């Protein structure tokens, strides 16, 4: 939904506009005004209309982000194994991850490209399409409708409980840990193949291990 005014787009919708404040979590909002956007929001450029290819510029102001889940941290030095880290300050590095800097013009190997038009493809990069159902090998796909799958890519769903193999999901709760991937969901309890739980507390097992009663 590449429109200038927000408020009617759904979660996990890419909204390249300048006005923020009413969009939901897990929304990629390429605009210059920040401060009241929701957690886990990626802002790919400072000014609308001139996307910085191979560069994601997060918000300059942080504080409500979810720890270790698309980490948008004011302080550098946090690390996530094979995950994405978003820093305000440049110069941080993450093994096998994407680095998002607050300054424009930075480059990232196998970086992220954000397009307003659907159908664009980027090898080893992130593809953001307005239309659902598009697929990109080794890229990220953000769809309004749940159920779409992308091999080795990221899927942002409006509904919790969706699963994606080898993808990144982002939790709405802080204090989560991620190994090999990030879960992006408003609700905890979702699972992703080849990932860890990104919840504040691990779930209770479906079938608790039997233990003999004391005595």
N, C-alpha and C. Protein backbone atom coordinates (compact mmCIF):
# COMPACT_ATOMS: atom_id res chain seq x y z
N UNK A 1 0.82 -1.18 0.00
CA UNK A 1 0.00 0.00 0.00
C UNK A 1 0.87 1.25 0.00
N UNK A 2 1.37 1.61 -1.15
CA UNK A 2 2.26 2.77 -1.17
C UNK A 2 1.48 4.07 -1.20
N UNK A 3 0.81 4.40 -0.11
CA UNK A 3 0.08 5.65 -0.05
C UNK A 3 0.70 6.56 1.00
N UNK A 4 0.31 7.79 0.98
CA UNK A 4 0.92 8.75 1.89
C UNK A 4 0.27 8.75 3.26
N UNK A 5 -0.95 8.36 3.33
CA UNK A 5 -1.66 8.44 4.59
C UNK A 5 -1.89 7.05 5.14
N UNK A 6 -1.65 6.90 6.44
CA UNK A 6 -1.77 5.61 7.09
C UNK A 6 -3.10 5.54 7.82
N UNK A 7 -3.45 4.35 8.29
CA UNK A 7 -4.62 4.20 9.11
C UNK A 7 -5.54 3.14 8.59
N UNK A 8 -5.46 2.85 7.29
CA UNK A 8 -6.34 1.84 6.75
C UNK A 8 -5.58 0.62 6.24
N UNK A 9 -4.29 0.58 6.44
CA UNK A 9 -3.56 -0.60 6.02
C UNK A 9 -3.49 -1.60 7.16
N UNK A 10 -3.31 -2.87 6.82
CA UNK A 10 -3.27 -3.91 7.83
C UNK A 10 -1.84 -4.16 8.26
N UNK A 11 -1.70 -4.96 9.32
CA UNK A 11 -0.37 -5.32 9.81
C UNK A 11 0.38 -6.05 8.72
N UNK A 12 1.69 -6.01 8.80
CA UNK A 12 2.55 -6.67 7.83
C UNK A 12 2.36 -6.08 6.45
N UNK A 13 1.95 -4.83 6.36
CA UNK A 13 1.78 -4.16 5.09
C UNK A 13 2.88 -3.14 4.93
N UNK A 14 3.45 -3.08 3.74
CA UNK A 14 4.51 -2.12 3.49
C UNK A 14 3.87 -0.81 3.09
N UNK A 15 4.12 0.21 3.83
CA UNK A 15 3.45 1.47 3.58
C UNK A 15 4.46 2.58 3.41
N UNK A 16 4.91 2.80 2.17
CA UNK A 16 5.89 3.86 1.93
C UNK A 16 5.22 5.23 1.95
N UNK A 17 5.05 5.81 3.09
CA UNK A 17 4.46 7.13 3.23
C UNK A 17 5.21 7.86 4.32
N UNK A 18 4.95 9.14 4.46
CA UNK A 18 5.70 9.89 5.45
C UNK A 18 5.05 9.96 6.81
N UNK A 19 3.78 9.71 6.88
CA UNK A 19 3.08 9.90 8.15
C UNK A 19 2.97 8.58 8.90
N UNK A 20 3.32 8.63 10.18
CA UNK A 20 3.31 7.43 11.01
C UNK A 20 2.44 7.69 12.23
N UNK A 21 2.20 6.66 13.02
CA UNK A 21 1.52 6.83 14.28
C UNK A 21 0.35 5.89 14.41
N UNK A 22 -0.24 5.47 13.27
CA UNK A 22 -1.40 4.62 13.36
C UNK A 22 -1.16 3.24 12.75
N UNK A 23 0.03 3.01 12.28
CA UNK A 23 0.26 1.71 11.65
C UNK A 23 0.54 0.66 12.72
N UNK A 24 0.32 -0.59 12.37
CA UNK A 24 0.47 -1.67 13.33
C UNK A 24 1.89 -2.21 13.32
N UNK A 25 2.18 -3.09 14.28
CA UNK A 25 3.51 -3.68 14.39
C UNK A 25 3.81 -4.51 13.17
N UNK A 26 5.07 -4.78 12.96
CA UNK A 26 5.54 -5.57 11.83
C UNK A 26 5.23 -4.90 10.51
N UNK A 27 5.07 -3.58 10.51
CA UNK A 27 4.83 -2.84 9.29
C UNK A 27 6.10 -2.13 8.88
N UNK A 28 6.46 -2.28 7.63
CA UNK A 28 7.64 -1.59 7.13
C UNK A 28 7.19 -0.21 6.66
N UNK A 29 7.72 0.81 7.27
CA UNK A 29 7.25 2.15 6.98
C UNK A 29 8.40 3.04 6.56
N UNK A 30 8.62 3.15 5.25
CA UNK A 30 9.71 4.01 4.78
C UNK A 30 9.30 5.47 4.79
N UNK A 31 9.54 6.17 5.84
CA UNK A 31 9.23 7.58 5.95
C UNK A 31 10.21 8.22 6.90
N UNK A 32 10.20 9.52 6.96
CA UNK A 32 11.22 10.21 7.74
C UNK A 32 10.79 10.50 9.15
N UNK A 33 9.50 10.48 9.43
CA UNK A 33 9.04 10.82 10.76
C UNK A 33 8.90 9.57 11.62
N UNK A 34 9.54 9.58 12.79
CA UNK A 34 9.56 8.42 13.65
C UNK A 34 9.24 8.84 15.08
N UNK A 35 9.17 7.85 15.98
CA UNK A 35 9.02 8.15 17.39
C UNK A 35 7.78 7.52 17.96
N UNK A 36 6.74 7.40 17.17
CA UNK A 36 5.53 6.80 17.69
C UNK A 36 5.13 5.56 16.91
N UNK A 37 6.02 5.03 16.13
CA UNK A 37 5.71 3.81 15.41
C UNK A 37 5.83 2.61 16.34
N UNK A 38 5.27 1.49 15.93
CA UNK A 38 5.23 0.31 16.78
C UNK A 38 6.55 -0.44 16.71
N UNK A 39 6.69 -1.41 17.62
CA UNK A 39 7.92 -2.20 17.69
C UNK A 39 8.09 -3.01 16.43
N UNK A 40 9.32 -3.38 16.17
CA UNK A 40 9.66 -4.24 15.03
C UNK A 40 9.30 -3.57 13.71
N UNK A 41 9.39 -2.26 13.64
CA UNK A 41 9.11 -1.54 12.41
C UNK A 41 10.43 -1.15 11.76
N UNK A 42 10.53 -1.40 10.48
CA UNK A 42 11.75 -1.07 9.74
C UNK A 42 11.47 0.13 8.86
N UNK A 43 12.32 1.12 8.95
CA UNK A 43 12.16 2.30 8.12
C UNK A 43 13.31 2.35 7.12
N UNK A 44 13.06 2.02 5.87
CA UNK A 44 14.15 1.85 4.92
C UNK A 44 14.80 3.11 4.37
N UNK A 45 14.32 4.27 4.67
CA UNK A 45 14.99 5.47 4.20
C UNK A 45 14.53 6.68 4.99
N UNK A 46 15.26 7.76 4.85
CA UNK A 46 14.94 8.96 5.61
C UNK A 46 13.82 9.76 4.95
N UNK A 47 13.83 9.78 3.64
CA UNK A 47 12.86 10.59 2.93
C UNK A 47 12.07 9.73 1.95
N UNK A 48 10.79 10.00 1.86
CA UNK A 48 9.93 9.24 0.97
C UNK A 48 10.26 9.59 -0.47
N UNK A 49 10.20 8.58 -1.34
CA UNK A 49 10.36 8.83 -2.77
C UNK A 49 11.73 8.50 -3.30
N UNK A 50 12.69 8.27 -2.42
CA UNK A 50 14.01 7.91 -2.93
C UNK A 50 14.58 6.80 -2.07
N UNK A 51 14.04 5.62 -2.28
CA UNK A 51 14.47 4.46 -1.51
C UNK A 51 15.98 4.27 -1.65
N UNK A 52 16.62 3.93 -0.58
CA UNK A 52 18.05 3.66 -0.63
C UNK A 52 18.24 2.16 -0.81
N UNK A 53 18.54 1.74 -2.03
CA UNK A 53 18.71 0.33 -2.33
C UNK A 53 19.84 -0.25 -1.51
N UNK A 54 19.67 -1.48 -1.12
CA UNK A 54 20.66 -2.20 -0.34
C UNK A 54 20.92 -1.52 1.00
N UNK A 55 19.94 -0.79 1.48
CA UNK A 55 20.10 -0.11 2.76
C UNK A 55 18.76 -0.01 3.46
N UNK A 56 18.71 -0.37 4.72
CA UNK A 56 17.51 -0.15 5.51
C UNK A 56 17.87 0.84 6.60
N UNK A 57 17.13 1.89 6.67
CA UNK A 57 17.40 2.89 7.70
C UNK A 57 16.32 2.79 8.75
N UNK A 58 16.68 2.31 9.92
CA UNK A 58 15.67 2.22 10.97
C UNK A 58 15.35 3.60 11.52
N UNK A 59 14.41 3.65 12.41
CA UNK A 59 14.03 4.88 13.05
C UNK A 59 15.18 5.41 13.89
N UNK A 60 15.25 6.72 13.99
CA UNK A 60 16.31 7.31 14.80
C UNK A 60 16.00 7.21 16.28
N UNK A 61 14.75 7.12 16.59
CA UNK A 61 14.36 7.08 18.00
C UNK A 61 13.85 5.69 18.35
N UNK A 62 14.41 5.12 19.42
CA UNK A 62 14.06 3.77 19.81
C UNK A 62 13.56 3.80 21.25
N UNK A 63 13.08 2.65 21.73
CA UNK A 63 12.67 2.57 23.12
C UNK A 63 11.53 1.60 23.33
N UNK A 64 10.74 1.37 22.29
CA UNK A 64 9.61 0.46 22.44
C UNK A 64 9.80 -0.80 21.63
N UNK A 65 11.01 -1.05 21.22
CA UNK A 65 11.25 -2.19 20.36
C UNK A 65 11.29 -3.49 21.16
N UNK A 66 11.23 -4.59 20.47
CA UNK A 66 11.27 -5.90 21.10
C UNK A 66 12.71 -6.40 21.10
N UNK A 67 13.24 -6.68 22.29
CA UNK A 67 14.64 -7.08 22.41
C UNK A 67 14.88 -8.39 21.69
N UNK A 68 15.96 -8.43 20.95
CA UNK A 68 16.40 -9.61 20.24
C UNK A 68 15.33 -10.16 19.31
N UNK A 69 14.55 -9.30 18.72
CA UNK A 69 13.59 -9.72 17.72
C UNK A 69 13.52 -8.59 16.72
N UNK A 70 14.19 -8.74 15.62
CA UNK A 70 14.57 -7.64 14.73
C UNK A 70 15.02 -6.54 15.65
N UNK A 71 16.19 -6.66 16.18
CA UNK A 71 16.65 -5.84 17.30
C UNK A 71 16.82 -4.40 16.84
N UNK A 72 15.99 -3.54 17.37
CA UNK A 72 16.12 -2.12 17.11
C UNK A 72 16.64 -1.51 18.40
N UNK A 73 17.93 -1.48 18.53
CA UNK A 73 18.53 -1.06 19.79
C UNK A 73 19.25 0.26 19.63
N UNK A 74 19.13 1.08 20.66
CA UNK A 74 19.88 2.32 20.66
C UNK A 74 21.36 2.10 20.89
N UNK A 75 21.68 1.02 21.56
CA UNK A 75 23.07 0.72 21.86
C UNK A 75 23.58 -0.39 20.96
N UNK A 76 24.81 -0.24 20.52
CA UNK A 76 25.42 -1.27 19.69
C UNK A 76 25.98 -2.37 20.56
N UNK A 77 26.27 -3.49 19.96
CA UNK A 77 26.93 -4.57 20.66
C UNK A 77 26.04 -5.78 20.86
N UNK A 78 24.74 -5.65 20.68
CA UNK A 78 23.87 -6.81 20.79
C UNK A 78 24.08 -7.72 19.60
N UNK A 79 24.02 -8.99 19.86
CA UNK A 79 24.22 -9.95 18.77
C UNK A 79 23.11 -10.98 18.77
N UNK A 80 22.77 -11.44 17.60
CA UNK A 80 21.79 -12.51 17.43
C UNK A 80 22.34 -13.46 16.38
N UNK A 81 22.37 -14.74 16.73
CA UNK A 81 22.92 -15.73 15.80
C UNK A 81 22.05 -15.82 14.57
N UNK A 82 22.63 -15.60 13.43
CA UNK A 82 21.97 -15.72 12.14
C UNK A 82 20.66 -14.97 12.12
N UNK A 83 20.63 -13.80 12.75
CA UNK A 83 19.39 -13.03 12.82
C UNK A 83 19.63 -11.64 12.26
N UNK A 84 18.60 -10.83 12.37
CA UNK A 84 18.71 -9.46 11.88
C UNK A 84 18.83 -8.53 13.06
N UNK A 85 19.77 -7.61 12.98
CA UNK A 85 19.91 -6.63 14.03
C UNK A 85 19.78 -5.24 13.41
N UNK A 86 19.04 -4.40 14.08
CA UNK A 86 18.83 -3.05 13.59
C UNK A 86 19.38 -2.07 14.61
N UNK A 87 20.34 -1.31 14.19
CA UNK A 87 21.01 -0.39 15.09
C UNK A 87 20.82 1.05 14.65
N UNK A 88 20.85 1.93 15.60
CA UNK A 88 20.87 3.35 15.26
C UNK A 88 22.25 3.77 14.79
N UNK A 89 23.26 3.19 15.40
CA UNK A 89 24.63 3.58 15.07
C UNK A 89 25.23 2.63 14.04
N UNK A 90 25.99 3.20 13.13
CA UNK A 90 26.63 2.38 12.11
C UNK A 90 27.88 1.73 12.69
N UNK A 91 28.36 0.72 12.00
CA UNK A 91 29.60 0.08 12.39
C UNK A 91 29.39 -1.24 13.09
N UNK A 92 28.19 -1.55 13.47
CA UNK A 92 27.95 -2.83 14.12
C UNK A 92 27.92 -3.93 13.07
N UNK A 93 28.31 -5.09 13.50
CA UNK A 93 28.31 -6.22 12.57
C UNK A 93 27.56 -7.38 13.19
N UNK A 94 26.94 -8.17 12.36
CA UNK A 94 26.21 -9.35 12.78
C UNK A 94 26.55 -10.48 11.82
N UNK A 95 26.95 -11.62 12.39
CA UNK A 95 27.31 -12.75 11.55
C UNK A 95 26.09 -13.26 10.80
N UNK A 96 26.23 -13.42 9.53
CA UNK A 96 25.19 -13.94 8.66
C UNK A 96 23.87 -13.20 8.87
N UNK A 97 23.95 -11.90 9.02
CA UNK A 97 22.73 -11.13 9.29
C UNK A 97 22.72 -9.88 8.43
N UNK A 98 21.63 -9.18 8.54
CA UNK A 98 21.48 -7.94 7.81
C UNK A 98 21.70 -6.79 8.77
N UNK A 99 22.49 -5.82 8.35
CA UNK A 99 22.75 -4.69 9.21
C UNK A 99 21.96 -3.50 8.71
N UNK A 100 21.26 -2.87 9.64
CA UNK A 100 20.45 -1.72 9.32
C UNK A 100 21.00 -0.53 10.08
N UNK A 101 21.39 0.46 9.37
CA UNK A 101 22.04 1.61 9.97
C UNK A 101 21.15 2.83 9.92
N UNK A 102 21.39 3.72 10.85
CA UNK A 102 20.62 4.95 10.88
C UNK A 102 21.03 5.95 9.82
N UNK A 103 22.18 5.74 9.24
CA UNK A 103 22.66 6.66 8.22
C UNK A 103 22.41 6.09 6.84
N UNK A 104 22.01 6.95 5.93
CA UNK A 104 21.77 6.52 4.57
C UNK A 104 23.09 6.30 3.85
N UNK A 105 23.04 5.54 2.77
CA UNK A 105 24.21 5.32 1.96
C UNK A 105 25.02 4.12 2.38
N UNK A 106 24.65 3.48 3.47
CA UNK A 106 25.36 2.28 3.88
C UNK A 106 25.00 1.14 2.96
N UNK A 107 25.93 0.22 2.82
CA UNK A 107 25.69 -0.93 1.97
C UNK A 107 25.76 -2.20 2.79
N UNK A 108 25.02 -3.18 2.39
CA UNK A 108 24.97 -4.47 3.07
C UNK A 108 25.06 -5.57 2.03
N UNK A 109 25.96 -6.52 2.28
CA UNK A 109 26.06 -7.65 1.37
C UNK A 109 24.74 -8.41 1.39
N UNK A 110 24.26 -8.78 0.24
CA UNK A 110 22.95 -9.42 0.10
C UNK A 110 21.91 -8.56 0.81
N UNK A 111 21.92 -7.30 0.45
CA UNK A 111 21.14 -6.31 1.20
C UNK A 111 19.66 -6.36 0.86
N UNK A 112 18.97 -5.39 1.42
CA UNK A 112 17.52 -5.35 1.28
C UNK A 112 17.15 -4.26 0.29
N UNK A 113 16.26 -4.59 -0.57
CA UNK A 113 15.75 -3.61 -1.50
C UNK A 113 14.25 -3.50 -1.31
N UNK A 114 13.77 -2.28 -1.23
CA UNK A 114 12.35 -2.05 -1.02
C UNK A 114 11.78 -1.34 -2.25
N UNK A 115 10.80 -1.95 -2.81
CA UNK A 115 10.19 -1.40 -4.02
C UNK A 115 8.76 -0.99 -3.76
N UNK A 116 8.33 0.05 -4.44
CA UNK A 116 6.92 0.41 -4.38
C UNK A 116 6.11 -0.45 -5.34
N UNK A 117 6.74 -0.88 -6.40
CA UNK A 117 6.04 -1.66 -7.40
C UNK A 117 6.26 -3.13 -7.17
N UNK A 118 5.19 -3.92 -7.36
CA UNK A 118 5.31 -5.36 -7.18
C UNK A 118 5.95 -5.96 -8.42
N UNK A 119 6.48 -7.18 -8.23
CA UNK A 119 7.07 -7.89 -9.34
C UNK A 119 8.57 -7.73 -9.46
N UNK A 120 9.13 -6.82 -8.71
CA UNK A 120 10.57 -6.65 -8.75
C UNK A 120 11.24 -7.80 -8.01
N UNK A 121 12.38 -8.20 -8.50
CA UNK A 121 13.11 -9.29 -7.85
C UNK A 121 14.53 -8.85 -7.56
N UNK A 122 15.06 -9.36 -6.49
CA UNK A 122 16.43 -9.07 -6.10
C UNK A 122 17.07 -10.35 -5.62
N UNK A 123 18.16 -10.75 -6.26
CA UNK A 123 18.84 -11.97 -5.87
C UNK A 123 19.50 -11.79 -4.52
N UNK A 124 19.25 -12.70 -3.62
CA UNK A 124 19.85 -12.63 -2.30
C UNK A 124 19.46 -11.40 -1.52
N UNK A 125 18.33 -10.83 -1.82
CA UNK A 125 17.89 -9.61 -1.15
C UNK A 125 16.46 -9.76 -0.68
N UNK A 126 15.92 -8.68 -0.20
CA UNK A 126 14.55 -8.68 0.28
C UNK A 126 13.66 -8.04 -0.76
N UNK A 127 12.54 -8.69 -0.99
CA UNK A 127 11.60 -8.14 -1.94
C UNK A 127 10.31 -7.81 -1.24
N UNK A 128 9.88 -6.58 -1.41
CA UNK A 128 8.66 -6.13 -0.78
C UNK A 128 7.65 -5.83 -1.87
N UNK A 129 6.59 -6.56 -1.86
CA UNK A 129 5.58 -6.41 -2.90
C UNK A 129 4.26 -5.96 -2.31
N UNK A 130 3.53 -5.20 -3.10
CA UNK A 130 2.21 -4.80 -2.65
C UNK A 130 1.22 -5.95 -2.78
N UNK A 131 1.41 -6.75 -3.79
CA UNK A 131 0.47 -7.83 -4.06
C UNK A 131 0.92 -9.11 -3.40
N UNK A 132 -0.04 -9.84 -2.83
CA UNK A 132 0.27 -11.12 -2.21
C UNK A 132 0.47 -12.18 -3.28
N UNK A 133 1.16 -13.24 -2.90
CA UNK A 133 1.36 -14.36 -3.80
C UNK A 133 2.66 -14.32 -4.56
N UNK A 134 3.34 -13.21 -4.54
CA UNK A 134 4.63 -13.14 -5.22
C UNK A 134 5.67 -13.92 -4.43
N UNK A 135 6.57 -14.55 -5.14
CA UNK A 135 7.62 -15.30 -4.48
C UNK A 135 8.98 -14.86 -5.00
N UNK A 136 9.95 -14.92 -4.13
CA UNK A 136 11.32 -14.56 -4.49
C UNK A 136 12.26 -15.54 -3.81
N UNK A 137 13.12 -16.17 -4.59
CA UNK A 137 14.07 -17.14 -4.03
C UNK A 137 15.08 -16.42 -3.16
N UNK A 138 15.22 -16.91 -1.94
CA UNK A 138 16.20 -16.34 -1.02
C UNK A 138 15.92 -14.90 -0.65
N UNK A 139 14.68 -14.49 -0.68
CA UNK A 139 14.33 -13.11 -0.36
C UNK A 139 13.21 -13.07 0.65
N UNK A 140 12.83 -11.86 0.96
CA UNK A 140 11.75 -11.67 1.92
C UNK A 140 10.50 -11.26 1.18
N UNK A 141 9.40 -11.87 1.60
CA UNK A 141 8.13 -11.54 0.98
C UNK A 141 7.17 -11.08 2.05
N UNK A 142 6.60 -9.91 1.84
CA UNK A 142 5.65 -9.38 2.79
C UNK A 142 4.29 -9.30 2.11
N UNK A 143 3.36 -10.04 2.61
CA UNK A 143 2.05 -10.11 2.00
C UNK A 143 0.98 -9.69 2.98
N UNK A 144 -0.10 -9.16 2.43
CA UNK A 144 -1.22 -8.82 3.28
C UNK A 144 -1.98 -10.07 3.68
N UNK A 145 -2.01 -11.04 2.81
CA UNK A 145 -2.76 -12.25 3.09
C UNK A 145 -1.85 -13.32 3.65
N UNK A 146 -2.34 -14.03 4.67
CA UNK A 146 -1.56 -15.11 5.26
C UNK A 146 -1.66 -16.35 4.38
N UNK A 147 -0.73 -17.26 4.60
CA UNK A 147 -0.76 -18.53 3.88
C UNK A 147 0.25 -18.61 2.76
N UNK A 148 0.77 -17.50 2.33
CA UNK A 148 1.80 -17.54 1.29
C UNK A 148 3.10 -18.02 1.88
N UNK A 149 3.87 -18.72 1.07
CA UNK A 149 5.14 -19.23 1.55
C UNK A 149 6.26 -18.80 0.61
N UNK A 150 7.41 -18.61 1.18
CA UNK A 150 8.59 -18.25 0.40
C UNK A 150 9.77 -19.03 0.94
N UNK A 151 10.47 -19.74 0.04
CA UNK A 151 11.62 -20.53 0.46
C UNK A 151 12.74 -19.61 0.91
N UNK A 152 13.23 -19.87 2.11
CA UNK A 152 14.33 -19.08 2.65
C UNK A 152 14.02 -17.60 2.72
N UNK A 153 12.78 -17.25 3.00
CA UNK A 153 12.39 -15.85 3.02
C UNK A 153 11.59 -15.55 4.27
N UNK A 154 11.20 -14.31 4.37
CA UNK A 154 10.44 -13.87 5.53
C UNK A 154 9.00 -13.67 5.12
N UNK A 155 8.10 -14.13 5.97
CA UNK A 155 6.69 -13.89 5.72
C UNK A 155 6.10 -13.17 6.91
N UNK A 156 5.42 -12.09 6.66
CA UNK A 156 4.76 -11.36 7.73
C UNK A 156 3.27 -11.59 7.61
N UNK A 157 2.72 -12.13 8.62
CA UNK A 157 1.31 -12.47 8.61
C UNK A 157 0.53 -11.59 9.56
N UNK A 158 -0.74 -11.37 9.20
CA UNK A 158 -1.61 -10.66 10.12
C UNK A 158 -2.07 -11.58 11.23
N UNK A 159 -2.26 -12.83 10.92
CA UNK A 159 -2.77 -13.78 11.90
C UNK A 159 -1.64 -14.57 12.52
N UNK A 160 -1.75 -14.83 13.82
CA UNK A 160 -0.74 -15.64 14.49
C UNK A 160 -0.98 -17.11 14.17
N UNK A 161 0.03 -17.92 14.43
CA UNK A 161 -0.09 -19.35 14.22
C UNK A 161 0.43 -19.82 12.89
N UNK A 162 0.80 -18.92 12.02
CA UNK A 162 1.36 -19.32 10.74
C UNK A 162 2.78 -19.80 10.93
N UNK A 163 3.20 -20.70 10.09
CA UNK A 163 4.56 -21.22 10.18
C UNK A 163 5.26 -21.03 8.84
N UNK A 164 6.54 -20.80 8.91
CA UNK A 164 7.36 -20.63 7.72
C UNK A 164 8.69 -21.32 7.95
N UNK A 165 9.11 -22.13 6.99
CA UNK A 165 10.38 -22.83 7.12
C UNK A 165 11.53 -21.90 6.78
N UNK A 166 12.48 -21.84 7.69
CA UNK A 166 13.68 -21.03 7.44
C UNK A 166 13.38 -19.56 7.25
N UNK A 167 12.44 -19.03 8.03
CA UNK A 167 12.08 -17.63 7.88
C UNK A 167 12.28 -16.89 9.18
N UNK A 168 11.92 -15.63 9.14
CA UNK A 168 12.08 -14.78 10.32
C UNK A 168 10.71 -14.36 10.81
N UNK A 169 10.45 -14.52 12.07
CA UNK A 169 9.20 -14.06 12.65
C UNK A 169 9.52 -13.17 13.83
N UNK A 170 8.74 -12.12 13.99
CA UNK A 170 9.04 -11.15 15.02
C UNK A 170 7.95 -11.11 16.07
N UNK A 171 8.32 -11.26 17.32
CA UNK A 171 7.36 -11.27 18.41
C UNK A 171 7.07 -9.88 18.94
N UNK A 172 5.87 -9.74 19.46
CA UNK A 172 5.49 -8.47 20.06
C UNK A 172 6.00 -8.31 21.48
N UNK A 173 6.51 -9.37 22.05
CA UNK A 173 7.00 -9.32 23.42
C UNK A 173 8.51 -9.13 23.45
N UNK A 174 8.98 -8.37 24.46
CA UNK A 174 10.41 -8.14 24.59
C UNK A 174 11.05 -9.30 25.34
N UNK A 175 12.36 -9.30 25.36
CA UNK A 175 13.11 -10.30 26.09
C UNK A 175 13.17 -11.63 25.37
N UNK A 176 12.84 -11.64 24.10
CA UNK A 176 12.87 -12.90 23.37
C UNK A 176 14.27 -13.18 22.85
N UNK A 177 14.53 -14.42 22.63
CA UNK A 177 15.80 -14.82 22.03
C UNK A 177 15.52 -15.54 20.73
N UNK A 178 16.43 -15.40 19.81
CA UNK A 178 16.27 -16.00 18.50
C UNK A 178 17.58 -16.65 18.09
N UNK A 179 17.49 -17.85 17.54
CA UNK A 179 18.65 -18.49 16.95
C UNK A 179 18.27 -18.94 15.56
N UNK A 180 18.99 -18.48 14.62
CA UNK A 180 18.85 -18.78 13.21
C UNK A 180 17.68 -18.05 12.57
N UNK A 181 16.82 -17.44 13.35
CA UNK A 181 15.68 -16.75 12.74
C UNK A 181 14.94 -15.93 13.78
N UNK A 182 14.12 -15.03 13.31
CA UNK A 182 13.31 -14.20 14.19
C UNK A 182 11.86 -14.45 13.86
N UNK A 183 11.03 -14.52 14.89
CA UNK A 183 9.61 -14.73 14.65
C UNK A 183 8.89 -13.40 14.74
N UNK A 184 8.08 -13.11 13.73
CA UNK A 184 7.37 -11.84 13.70
C UNK A 184 5.89 -12.09 13.82
N UNK A 185 5.41 -12.07 15.02
CA UNK A 185 3.99 -12.32 15.27
C UNK A 185 3.53 -11.47 16.43
N UNK A 186 2.30 -11.04 16.35
CA UNK A 186 1.74 -10.28 17.45
C UNK A 186 1.53 -11.14 18.68
N UNK A 187 1.29 -12.41 18.48
CA UNK A 187 1.04 -13.31 19.59
C UNK A 187 2.16 -14.31 19.71
N UNK A 188 2.48 -14.69 20.95
CA UNK A 188 3.50 -15.70 21.18
C UNK A 188 2.89 -17.08 20.99
N UNK A 189 3.74 -18.06 20.84
CA UNK A 189 3.27 -19.43 20.75
C UNK A 189 3.36 -20.00 19.36
N UNK A 190 3.73 -19.21 18.39
CA UNK A 190 3.88 -19.72 17.04
C UNK A 190 5.21 -20.43 16.89
N UNK A 191 5.27 -21.32 15.94
CA UNK A 191 6.49 -22.08 15.72
C UNK A 191 6.99 -21.86 14.30
N UNK A 192 8.29 -21.98 14.15
CA UNK A 192 8.91 -21.87 12.85
C UNK A 192 9.97 -22.94 12.74
N UNK A 193 9.95 -23.68 11.64
CA UNK A 193 10.93 -24.74 11.44
C UNK A 193 12.33 -24.16 11.38
N UNK A 194 13.23 -24.77 12.14
CA UNK A 194 14.62 -24.32 12.16
C UNK A 194 14.82 -23.05 12.94
N UNK A 195 13.91 -22.71 13.84
CA UNK A 195 14.05 -21.51 14.64
C UNK A 195 13.81 -21.84 16.10
N UNK A 196 14.04 -20.84 16.93
CA UNK A 196 13.73 -20.96 18.34
C UNK A 196 12.48 -20.16 18.64
N UNK A 197 11.96 -20.41 19.82
CA UNK A 197 10.80 -19.63 20.24
C UNK A 197 11.24 -18.22 20.56
N UNK A 198 10.47 -17.25 20.12
CA UNK A 198 10.74 -15.87 20.47
C UNK A 198 9.66 -15.41 21.43
N UNK A 199 9.71 -15.92 22.60
CA UNK A 199 8.73 -15.56 23.61
C UNK A 199 9.45 -15.12 24.87
N UNK A 200 8.73 -14.37 25.69
CA UNK A 200 9.30 -13.96 26.96
C UNK A 200 9.54 -15.17 27.85
N UNK A 201 8.69 -16.18 27.75
CA UNK A 201 8.84 -17.40 28.52
C UNK A 201 8.54 -18.58 27.61
N UNK A 202 9.28 -19.69 27.74
CA UNK A 202 9.02 -20.84 26.88
C UNK A 202 7.66 -21.44 27.18
N UNK A 203 7.03 -22.05 26.17
CA UNK A 203 5.71 -22.64 26.40
C UNK A 203 5.80 -23.93 27.20
N UNK A 204 4.70 -24.28 27.82
CA UNK A 204 4.63 -25.56 28.51
C UNK A 204 4.58 -26.67 27.47
N UNK A 205 5.26 -27.79 27.73
CA UNK A 205 5.23 -28.89 26.77
C UNK A 205 3.82 -29.45 26.62
N UNK A 206 3.54 -29.94 25.41
CA UNK A 206 2.23 -30.53 25.16
C UNK A 206 2.01 -31.77 26.01
N UNK A 207 3.07 -32.58 26.11
CA UNK A 207 3.01 -33.77 26.94
C UNK A 207 4.17 -33.69 27.94
N UNK A 208 3.91 -33.20 29.14
CA UNK A 208 5.00 -33.05 30.11
C UNK A 208 5.66 -34.39 30.41
N UNK A 209 6.98 -34.30 30.59
CA UNK A 209 7.73 -35.51 30.89
C UNK A 209 7.27 -36.09 32.23
N UNK A 210 7.07 -37.42 32.24
CA UNK A 210 6.59 -38.07 33.46
C UNK A 210 7.70 -38.12 34.48
N UNK A 211 7.36 -37.79 35.70
CA UNK A 211 8.31 -37.88 36.80
C UNK A 211 7.66 -38.67 37.93
N UNK A 212 8.41 -39.56 38.59
CA UNK A 212 7.82 -40.30 39.71
C UNK A 212 7.49 -39.36 40.85
N UNK A 213 6.41 -39.64 41.52
CA UNK A 213 6.01 -38.80 42.65
C UNK A 213 6.98 -38.99 43.80
N UNK A 214 7.26 -37.93 44.56
CA UNK A 214 8.22 -38.06 45.68
C UNK A 214 7.68 -39.02 46.73
N UNK A 215 8.58 -39.78 47.31
CA UNK A 215 8.18 -40.74 48.34
C UNK A 215 7.75 -42.04 47.71
